[in-house]
C-alpha atoms as a PDB file:
ATOM      1  CA  MET A   1       0.000   0.000   0.000  1.00  0.00           C
ATOM      2  CA  ALA A   2       1.416   3.385  -0.983  1.00  0.00           C
ATOM      3  CA  VAL A   3       1.543   6.339   1.334  1.00  0.00           C
ATOM      4  CA  ILE A   4       0.268   9.555  -0.163  1.00  0.00           C
ATOM      5  CA  GLU A   5       1.174  12.814   1.458  1.00  0.00           C
ATOM      6  CA  THR A   6      -1.905  15.030   1.466  1.00  0.00           C
ATOM      7  CA  THR A   7      -0.388  18.104   3.113  1.00  0.00           C
ATOM      8  CA  ARG A   8       2.121  20.385   1.507  1.00  0.00           C
ATOM      9  CA  PRO A   9       4.331  23.031   3.050  1.00  0.00           C
ATOM     10  CA  ALA A  10       3.306  26.636   2.576  1.00  0.00           C
ATOM     11  CA  PRO A  11       4.585  28.230  -0.630  1.00  0.00           C
ATOM     12  CA  PHE A  12       7.883  30.070  -0.399  1.00  0.00           C
ATOM     13  CA  GLY A  13       7.347  33.490   1.169  1.00  0.00           C
ATOM     14  CA  ALA A  14       3.730  32.904   2.208  1.00  0.00           C
ATOM     15  CA  ILE A  15       4.480  33.082   5.910  1.00  0.00           C
ATOM     16  CA  SER A  16       6.555  36.237   5.503  1.00  0.00           C
ATOM     17  CA  ALA A  17       3.797  37.816   3.427  1.00  0.00           C
ATOM     18  CA  PHE A  18       1.222  36.877   6.067  1.00  0.00           C
ATOM     19  CA  ARG A  19       3.342  38.389   8.838  1.00  0.00           C
ATOM     20  CA  PHE A  20       3.857  41.576   6.843  1.00  0.00           C
ATOM     21  CA  VAL A  21       0.135  41.935   6.131  1.00  0.00           C
ATOM     22  CA  SER A  22      -0.665  41.289   9.805  1.00  0.00           C
ATOM     23  CA  PHE A  23       1.866  43.917  10.840  1.00  0.00           C
ATOM     24  CA  VAL A  24       0.348  46.477   8.467  1.00  0.00           C
ATOM     25  CA  GLU A  25      -3.169  45.698   9.714  1.00  0.00           C
ATOM     26  CA  ARG A  26      -2.084  46.151  13.349  1.00  0.00           C
ATOM     27  CA  ALA A  27      -0.313  49.411  12.480  1.00  0.00           C
ATOM     28  CA  VAL A  28      -3.399  50.756  10.683  1.00  0.00           C
ATOM     29  CA  GLU A  29      -5.631  49.783  13.614  1.00  0.00           C
ATOM     30  CA  ALA A  30      -3.256  51.451  16.093  1.00  0.00           C
ATOM     31  CA  PHE A  31      -3.203  54.642  14.019  1.00  0.00           C
ATOM     32  CA  ARG A  32      -6.988  54.576  13.715  1.00  0.00           C
ATOM     33  CA  ALA A  33      -7.344  54.254  17.512  1.00  0.00           C
ATOM     34  CA  TYR A  34      -4.866  57.106  17.980  1.00  0.00           C
ATOM     35  CA  TRP A  35      -6.751  59.306  15.520  1.00  0.00           C
ATOM     36  CA  VAL A  36     -10.105  58.594  17.185  1.00  0.00           C
ATOM     37  CA  ALA A  37      -8.554  59.452  20.566  1.00  0.00           C
ATOM     38  CA  VAL A  38      -7.211  62.755  19.202  1.00  0.00           C
ATOM     39  CA  GLN A  39     -10.580  63.678  17.708  1.00  0.00           C
ATOM     40  CA  THR A  40     -12.420  62.690  20.895  1.00  0.00           C
ATOM     41  CA  ARG A  41     -10.020  64.722  23.038  1.00  0.00           C
ATOM     42  CA  ASP A  42     -10.475  67.759  20.783  1.00  0.00           C
ATOM     43  CA  GLN A  43     -14.257  67.480  20.934  1.00  0.00           C
ATOM     44  CA  LEU A  44     -14.242  67.057  24.727  1.00  0.00           C
ATOM     45  CA  ALA A  45     -11.906  70.037  25.097  1.00  0.00           C
ATOM     46  CA  ARG A  46     -14.415  72.229  23.250  1.00  0.00           C
ATOM     47  CA  LEU A  47     -17.178  71.455  25.741  1.00  0.00           C
ATOM     48  CA  SER A  48     -17.955  73.809  28.606  1.00  0.00           C
ATOM     49  CA  PRO A  49     -17.731  72.604  32.208  1.00  0.00           C
ATOM     50  CA  ARG A  50     -21.516  72.421  32.328  1.00  0.00           C
ATOM     51  CA  GLN A  51     -21.662  70.252  29.199  1.00  0.00           C
ATOM     52  CA  LEU A  52     -18.971  67.976  30.638  1.00  0.00           C
ATOM     53  CA  ALA A  53     -21.021  67.702  33.837  1.00  0.00           C
ATOM     54  CA  ASP A  54     -24.083  66.762  31.778  1.00  0.00           C
ATOM     55  CA  ILE A  55     -22.254  63.759  30.326  1.00  0.00           C
ATOM     56  CA  GLY A  56     -20.723  62.864  33.684  1.00  0.00           C
ATOM     57  CA  LEU A  57     -17.147  63.989  33.065  1.00  0.00           C
ATOM     58  CA  ALA A  58     -16.902  67.110  35.218  1.00  0.00           C
ATOM     59  CA  ASP A  59     -17.265  66.066  38.807  1.00  0.00           C
ATOM     60  CA  ALA A  60     -14.754  65.637  41.615  1.00  0.00           C
ATOM     61  CA  THR A  61     -13.184  62.571  39.995  1.00  0.00           C
ATOM     62  CA  TYR A  62     -12.411  64.131  36.604  1.00  0.00           C
ATOM     63  CA  SER A  63     -10.660  67.278  35.519  1.00  0.00           C
ATOM     64  CA  ARG A  64      -9.737  68.781  32.183  1.00  0.00           C
ATOM     65  CA  LEU A  65      -6.310  67.187  32.531  1.00  0.00           C
ATOM     66  CA  ASP A  66      -7.928  63.744  32.351  1.00  0.00           C
ATOM     67  CA  LEU A  67      -9.389  64.344  28.881  1.00  0.00           C
ATOM     68  CA  ASP A  68      -6.432  62.630  27.162  1.00  0.00           C
ATOM     69  CA  GLU A  69      -6.847  59.527  29.292  1.00  0.00           C
ATOM     70  CA  ILE A  70     -10.627  59.507  28.800  1.00  0.00           C
ATOM     71  CA  ALA A  71     -10.244  59.883  25.035  1.00  0.00           C
ATOM     72  CA  ARG A  72      -7.709  57.022  24.869  1.00  0.00           C
ATOM     73  CA  SER A  73      -9.983  54.823  26.937  1.00  0.00           C
ATOM     74  CA  LEU A  74     -12.989  55.540  24.722  1.00  0.00           C
ATOM     75  CA  ALA A  75     -10.962  54.881  21.575  1.00  0.00           C
ATOM     76  CA  ALA A  76      -9.675  51.565  22.960  1.00  0.00           C
ATOM     77  CA  ASN A  77     -13.200  50.455  23.910  1.00  0.00           C
ATOM     78  CA  ARG A  78     -14.501  51.341  20.442  1.00  0.00           C
ATOM     79  CA  ARG A  79     -13.517  47.969  18.987  1.00  0.00           C
END
């Protein structure tokens, strides 16, 4: 009885191409999250203290200095 090999190794360069594409996708996603965080921070910075209080961001636990951290957190949770 003959043994037939049914699996073949990946074509030359396929793994490197896959890793490169994965790297690019991760880089694009990281830039997108950064850009959303920048836009969110800018929009939050334009709000008055009363508007920030209306959305729950201007009480004793938050200050205007926390807007960067809040924007990064919102961008990370966007996925």
